[in-house]
Amino acid sequence: MAGTEFPIVDAHQHFWNLERNYYPWLCDPAAIAFRYGEYSALRRNYLPPDYTRDAGSNQIVMTVHVEAEWSPSDPIGETRWLETLQLAHGLPTACVAQAWLDHDDAEAVLTGQAAHAIVRGIRHKPRASATPEEAKRGLTGSMDDPRWRHGFAMLERLSLSFDLQTPWWHFDAACELARDFPRTPIIVNHTGLPVDRSAAGLAGWRQAMHELAQNANVFVKISGLGQPAKPWTIAANGPIIRDTIAIFGVERCMFASNYPVDRLCGTFETIYAGFRAAVSERPLAEQRMLFFDNVARIYRL
């Protein structure tokens, strides 16, 4: 095994079959604005055998599939398809499913998703601004939107967690959400998106992470640390990894590949070797928490 004495649970990965299923961002001719820049390399099928090949010598024993922006006209269709992959390949182990919290059919979709044993939580990216300077509160589709919050309120009753993917400059709204729904686990995606690596940008990210970490029902996935047109390096990402763990505590952090998306910035081994290097001085028990125990506990695997 590649440098660890325990198996690994990948907390965030994706599968897609572009010949069989419809993902607008991958199937439509026009590309979307994407934080890693040009992403045409992702426009091909990615299935469990591909993931196993990419994982290589890393002992991945379970994975959590996060909704891959499948066609919003049939959110539960992705869950059904993932169950066929699980039956055929043993992966994914569980999934975070799609649901649009502010849609009229939110209750029916959430109830339908919760009925599938593979489902642990929901992801719906709330409306967000492109920069901190443009951030506003109270917009339609944001975490402040009463319709969006009405959908979010259903998660507790259905025993579903929530994967939150939004830039750190919206964490003031996320703090209120966490306080208002303290029994719903909120799992921050991709390390809070520290895209701006300037001193000011990182200072803003750290402050926002500190404030959000005050809520005991918030957890964080350390993943998605790539930068456009730059390789994944421990020099660039090690300080962010260590800061995240220091802010949230080792018991509320978990590592994830974000594969195949993060293939745009690094190989699977490069990324996981970087994770291992960033925490190599921590006790082995804490390393196991970050690579295995926390994911298994938080996602109820």
Protein backbone atom coordinates (compact mmCIF):
# COMPACT_ATOMS: atom_id res chain seq x y z
CA MET A 1 0.00 0.00 0.00
CA ALA A 2 1.15 3.52 -0.79
CA GLY A 3 2.57 4.76 2.47
CA THR A 4 -0.24 4.12 4.95
CA GLU A 5 -0.93 1.27 7.34
CA PHE A 6 -4.70 1.39 6.96
CA PRO A 7 -7.30 1.34 4.18
CA ILE A 8 -8.74 4.55 2.69
CA VAL A 9 -12.27 5.83 2.18
CA ASP A 10 -12.50 8.40 -0.60
CA ALA A 11 -15.01 11.00 0.61
CA HIS A 12 -15.75 12.63 -2.76
CA GLN A 13 -15.60 11.16 -6.25
CA HIS A 14 -17.73 10.97 -9.42
CA PHE A 15 -18.75 8.49 -12.10
CA TRP A 16 -20.41 9.25 -15.42
CA ASN A 17 -21.38 7.52 -18.64
CA LEU A 18 -21.84 10.14 -21.34
CA GLU A 19 -23.14 7.63 -23.87
CA ARG A 20 -26.01 6.54 -21.65
CA ASN A 21 -26.78 9.51 -19.39
CA TYR A 22 -27.13 13.28 -19.76
CA TYR A 23 -24.93 15.72 -17.85
CA PRO A 24 -25.43 19.21 -19.33
CA TRP A 25 -21.96 20.48 -18.43
CA LEU A 26 -20.27 17.45 -19.98
CA CYS A 27 -22.62 16.66 -22.88
CA ASP A 28 -23.65 20.06 -24.22
CA PRO A 29 -21.36 21.60 -26.87
CA ALA A 30 -20.99 24.89 -24.99
CA ALA A 31 -18.63 24.73 -22.01
CA ILE A 32 -19.49 26.35 -18.69
CA ALA A 33 -17.29 28.65 -16.63
CA PHE A 34 -15.17 26.23 -14.61
CA ARG A 35 -12.79 27.00 -11.74
CA TYR A 36 -10.04 24.83 -13.22
CA GLY A 37 -10.41 26.43 -16.63
CA GLU A 38 -10.62 24.31 -19.78
CA TYR A 39 -12.05 20.86 -19.00
CA SER A 40 -12.54 19.03 -22.30
CA ALA A 41 -10.42 16.15 -20.94
CA LEU A 42 -13.33 15.28 -18.64
CA ARG A 43 -15.75 14.74 -21.53
CA ARG A 44 -15.38 10.97 -21.61
CA ASN A 45 -16.85 8.09 -19.63
CA TYR A 46 -15.52 7.55 -16.13
CA LEU A 47 -16.57 4.31 -14.47
CA PRO A 48 -15.41 2.11 -11.56
CA PRO A 49 -12.69 0.30 -13.55
CA ASP A 50 -11.26 3.70 -14.54
CA TYR A 51 -11.28 4.84 -10.94
CA THR A 52 -9.62 1.63 -9.74
CA ARG A 53 -6.89 2.08 -12.33
CA ASP A 54 -6.31 5.69 -11.29
CA ALA A 55 -6.25 4.82 -7.58
CA GLY A 56 -3.40 2.42 -8.26
CA SER A 57 -1.63 1.17 -5.14
CA ASN A 58 -3.76 3.29 -2.79
CA GLN A 59 -5.96 0.88 -0.85
CA ILE A 60 -9.35 2.44 -1.53
CA VAL A 61 -11.94 0.24 0.15
CA MET A 62 -15.01 2.52 0.02
CA THR A 63 -16.06 5.68 -1.80
CA VAL A 64 -18.73 8.35 -1.53
CA HIS A 65 -20.07 9.41 -4.92
CA VAL A 66 -21.24 13.02 -5.05
CA GLU A 67 -23.87 14.01 -7.59
CA ALA A 68 -22.23 14.92 -10.88
CA GLU A 69 -24.77 17.48 -12.13
CA TRP A 70 -26.83 14.84 -13.91
CA SER A 71 -29.86 16.16 -15.80
CA PRO A 72 -32.03 18.06 -13.26
CA SER A 73 -35.14 16.72 -14.99
CA ASP A 74 -34.55 13.32 -13.33
CA PRO A 75 -32.50 13.62 -10.11
CA ILE A 76 -33.37 10.14 -8.85
CA GLY A 77 -32.25 8.61 -12.14
CA GLU A 78 -28.63 9.12 -11.16
CA THR A 79 -29.21 7.28 -7.89
CA ARG A 80 -30.77 4.32 -9.67
CA TRP A 81 -27.86 4.21 -12.11
CA LEU A 82 -25.32 4.31 -9.28
CA GLU A 83 -27.03 1.33 -7.70
CA THR A 84 -26.38 -0.65 -10.89
CA LEU A 85 -22.69 0.28 -10.68
CA GLN A 86 -22.57 -0.72 -7.03
CA LEU A 87 -24.11 -4.08 -7.84
CA ALA A 88 -21.73 -4.72 -10.73
CA HIS A 89 -18.47 -3.28 -9.32
CA GLY A 90 -18.89 -2.76 -5.57
CA LEU A 91 -18.48 1.00 -6.02
CA PRO A 92 -19.63 3.51 -5.01
CA THR A 93 -20.32 2.53 -1.41
CA ALA A 94 -22.72 5.43 -0.81
CA CYS A 95 -23.77 8.61 -2.53
CA VAL A 96 -24.69 12.23 -2.01
CA ALA A 97 -27.66 12.67 -4.31
CA GLN A 98 -29.05 15.55 -6.32
CA ALA A 99 -32.12 17.53 -5.26
CA TRP A 100 -33.13 21.11 -6.00
CA LEU A 101 -34.21 22.43 -2.62
CA ASP A 102 -36.12 25.41 -4.00
CA HIS A 103 -38.12 23.51 -6.61
CA ASP A 104 -41.82 22.74 -6.21
CA ASP A 105 -41.12 19.00 -6.20
CA ALA A 106 -38.39 19.21 -3.53
CA GLU A 107 -40.28 17.16 -0.95
CA ALA A 108 -41.10 14.38 -3.44
CA VAL A 109 -37.51 14.25 -4.72
CA LEU A 110 -35.99 14.27 -1.23
CA THR A 111 -38.36 11.56 -0.04
CA GLY A 112 -37.59 9.51 -3.14
CA GLN A 113 -33.85 9.87 -2.70
CA ALA A 114 -34.01 8.97 0.99
CA ALA A 115 -35.80 5.73 0.10
CA HIS A 116 -32.62 4.42 -1.58
CA ALA A 117 -30.21 2.70 0.81
CA ILE A 118 -27.19 4.05 -1.08
CA VAL A 119 -28.12 7.69 -0.33
CA ARG A 120 -26.60 9.46 2.67
CA GLY A 121 -27.08 13.10 1.83
CA ILE A 122 -27.96 15.78 -0.71
CA ARG A 123 -26.02 18.39 -2.61
CA HIS A 124 -27.60 21.49 -4.15
CA LYS A 125 -25.17 24.31 -4.84
CA PRO A 126 -26.79 27.52 -3.59
CA ARG A 127 -26.60 30.68 -5.64
CA ALA A 128 -23.20 32.32 -5.22
CA SER A 129 -21.28 35.35 -6.43
CA ALA A 130 -18.03 35.17 -8.36
CA THR A 131 -16.03 37.35 -5.97
CA PRO A 132 -16.18 38.51 -2.34
CA GLU A 133 -16.87 42.06 -3.51
CA GLU A 134 -20.02 40.94 -5.35
CA ALA A 135 -21.41 38.87 -2.49
CA LYS A 136 -24.92 39.80 -1.40
CA ARG A 137 -27.32 38.32 1.10
CA GLY A 138 -30.96 37.42 0.49
CA LEU A 139 -30.84 36.55 -3.21
CA THR A 140 -33.23 34.07 -4.80
CA GLY A 141 -31.67 30.62 -4.77
CA SER A 142 -29.19 31.47 -2.04
CA MET A 143 -28.96 29.98 1.45
CA ASP A 144 -31.12 32.92 2.62
CA ASP A 145 -33.95 32.16 0.20
CA PRO A 146 -37.05 31.02 2.18
CA ARG A 147 -37.91 28.44 -0.50
CA TRP A 148 -34.38 27.05 -0.43
CA ARG A 149 -34.46 26.90 3.38
CA HIS A 150 -37.86 25.20 3.32
CA GLY A 151 -36.31 22.41 1.29
CA PHE A 152 -33.27 22.28 3.55
CA ALA A 153 -35.52 21.90 6.60
CA MET A 154 -36.76 18.54 5.26
CA LEU A 155 -33.30 16.96 5.50
CA GLU A 156 -33.40 16.36 9.25
CA ARG A 157 -36.69 14.46 9.09
CA LEU A 158 -35.28 12.23 6.35
CA SER A 159 -31.93 11.68 8.16
CA LEU A 160 -30.00 13.22 5.28
CA SER A 161 -26.81 15.25 5.54
CA PHE A 162 -26.03 18.18 3.27
CA ASP A 163 -22.93 18.71 1.13
CA LEU A 164 -22.31 22.45 0.84
CA GLN A 165 -20.31 23.68 -2.13
CA THR A 166 -20.04 27.47 -2.09
CA PRO A 167 -17.17 29.98 -1.94
CA TRP A 168 -15.95 30.98 1.50
CA TRP A 169 -17.33 34.51 1.12
CA HIS A 170 -20.81 33.03 1.60
CA PHE A 171 -19.93 31.35 4.89
CA ASP A 172 -21.75 34.03 6.88
CA ALA A 173 -24.98 32.61 5.45
CA ALA A 174 -23.68 29.08 6.04
CA CYS A 175 -23.09 29.90 9.71
CA GLU A 176 -26.70 30.96 10.09
CA LEU A 177 -27.86 27.84 8.29
CA ALA A 178 -25.81 25.63 10.61
CA ARG A 179 -27.11 27.40 13.71
CA ASP A 180 -30.73 27.27 12.56
CA PHE A 181 -30.52 23.54 11.72
CA PRO A 182 -28.09 22.16 14.31
CA ARG A 183 -29.16 18.53 13.84
CA THR A 184 -28.41 18.46 10.11
CA PRO A 185 -24.75 17.62 9.33
CA ILE A 186 -23.28 20.10 6.84
CA ILE A 187 -20.21 18.91 4.95
CA VAL A 188 -18.19 21.67 3.28
CA ASN A 189 -16.93 20.61 -0.14
CA HIS A 190 -13.44 21.22 -1.50
CA THR A 191 -11.83 22.87 1.52
CA GLY A 192 -14.06 25.94 1.29
CA LEU A 193 -12.74 26.79 -2.20
CA PRO A 194 -9.54 28.78 -1.40
CA VAL A 195 -9.17 29.76 -5.04
CA ASP A 196 -7.50 33.13 -4.41
CA ARG A 197 -4.04 32.25 -3.11
CA SER A 198 -2.97 35.85 -2.47
CA ALA A 199 -2.21 36.81 1.13
CA ALA A 200 -5.48 38.73 1.34
CA GLY A 201 -7.45 35.91 -0.26
CA LEU A 202 -6.08 33.29 2.11
CA ALA A 203 -6.65 35.57 5.11
CA GLY A 204 -10.29 35.94 4.11
CA TRP A 205 -10.62 32.18 3.63
CA ARG A 206 -9.08 31.43 7.04
CA GLN A 207 -11.35 33.88 8.83
CA ALA A 208 -14.44 32.48 7.14
CA MET A 209 -13.36 28.92 7.97
CA HIS A 210 -12.77 29.87 11.62
CA GLU A 211 -16.26 31.32 11.91
CA LEU A 212 -17.92 28.32 10.25
CA ALA A 213 -15.95 25.88 12.41
CA GLN A 214 -17.67 27.26 15.51
CA ASN A 215 -20.68 25.16 14.53
CA ALA A 216 -20.29 21.57 15.71
CA ASN A 217 -22.51 20.18 12.95
CA VAL A 218 -20.15 21.38 10.19
CA PHE A 219 -17.44 19.14 8.71
CA VAL A 220 -15.03 19.66 5.82
CA LYS A 221 -13.69 17.62 2.95
CA ILE A 222 -10.08 18.43 2.10
CA SER A 223 -10.17 18.15 -1.68
CA GLY A 224 -10.48 20.24 -4.82
CA LEU A 225 -7.24 22.12 -4.20
CA GLY A 226 -6.19 22.40 -7.83
CA GLN A 227 -5.38 25.70 -9.52
CA PRO A 228 -5.88 26.53 -13.21
CA ALA A 229 -2.88 25.60 -15.37
CA LYS A 230 -0.78 24.66 -12.35
CA PRO A 231 0.26 21.20 -11.10
CA TRP A 232 -0.89 19.90 -7.71
CA THR A 233 2.05 20.34 -5.29
CA ILE A 234 2.54 19.89 -1.57
CA ALA A 235 4.29 23.26 -1.52
CA ALA A 236 1.12 24.99 -2.73
CA ASN A 237 -1.43 22.92 -0.87
CA GLY A 238 0.27 21.63 2.28
CA PRO A 239 -0.24 24.86 4.26
CA ILE A 240 -3.95 24.93 3.33
CA ILE A 241 -4.38 21.31 4.37
CA ARG A 242 -2.68 21.92 7.71
CA ASP A 243 -4.60 25.15 8.33
CA THR A 244 -7.91 23.40 7.64
CA ILE A 245 -7.15 20.65 10.15
CA ALA A 246 -6.00 23.19 12.73
CA ILE A 247 -9.21 25.20 12.28
CA PHE A 248 -11.76 22.36 12.27
CA GLY A 249 -9.90 19.76 14.32
CA VAL A 250 -8.75 16.39 13.12
CA GLU A 251 -12.08 14.75 14.02
CA ARG A 252 -14.07 16.90 11.56
CA CYS A 253 -11.84 16.71 8.46
CA MET A 254 -11.54 14.04 5.76
CA PHE A 255 -9.55 13.60 2.58
CA ALA A 256 -11.08 13.11 -0.86
CA SER A 257 -9.84 12.75 -4.42
CA ASN A 258 -12.53 14.65 -6.35
CA TYR A 259 -11.66 12.29 -9.17
CA PRO A 260 -11.86 12.43 -12.12
CA VAL A 261 -12.25 16.23 -11.92
CA ASP A 262 -8.95 16.74 -10.11
CA ARG A 263 -7.17 14.71 -12.76
CA LEU A 264 -6.96 18.13 -14.47
CA CYS A 265 -4.33 19.15 -11.91
CA GLY A 266 -2.69 15.96 -10.63
CA THR A 267 -2.58 12.19 -10.67
CA PHE A 268 -4.39 10.28 -7.96
CA GLU A 269 -1.08 9.25 -6.46
CA THR A 270 0.26 12.82 -6.52
CA ILE A 271 -2.78 14.06 -4.61
CA TYR A 272 -2.85 11.26 -2.04
CA ALA A 273 0.92 11.39 -1.58
CA GLY A 274 0.45 15.10 -0.88
CA PHE A 275 -2.23 14.36 1.70
CA ARG A 276 0.06 11.84 3.39
CA ALA A 277 3.00 14.23 3.38
CA ALA A 278 0.91 17.06 4.84
CA VAL A 279 -0.02 14.99 7.90
CA SER A 280 3.00 12.71 8.16
CA GLU A 281 4.02 14.12 11.55
CA ARG A 282 0.63 13.45 13.12
CA PRO A 283 0.06 10.29 15.17
CA LEU A 284 -0.99 7.30 13.10
CA ALA A 285 -4.39 7.23 14.81
CA GLU A 286 -5.07 10.79 13.64
CA GLN A 287 -3.94 9.97 10.11
CA ARG A 288 -6.38 7.07 10.08
CA MET A 289 -9.16 9.44 11.17
CA LEU A 290 -8.47 11.71 8.20
CA PHE A 291 -8.20 8.95 5.60
CA PHE A 292 -10.77 6.47 6.90
CA ASP A 293 -12.54 6.81 10.26
CA ASN A 294 -14.13 10.23 9.85
CA VAL A 295 -15.61 9.50 6.44
CA ALA A 296 -17.03 6.20 7.66
CA ARG A 297 -18.57 7.89 10.70
CA ILE A 298 -19.92 11.04 9.06
CA TYR A 299 -21.39 9.26 6.04
CA ARG A 300 -22.54 6.25 8.09
CA LEU A 301 -20.72 3.66 5.98
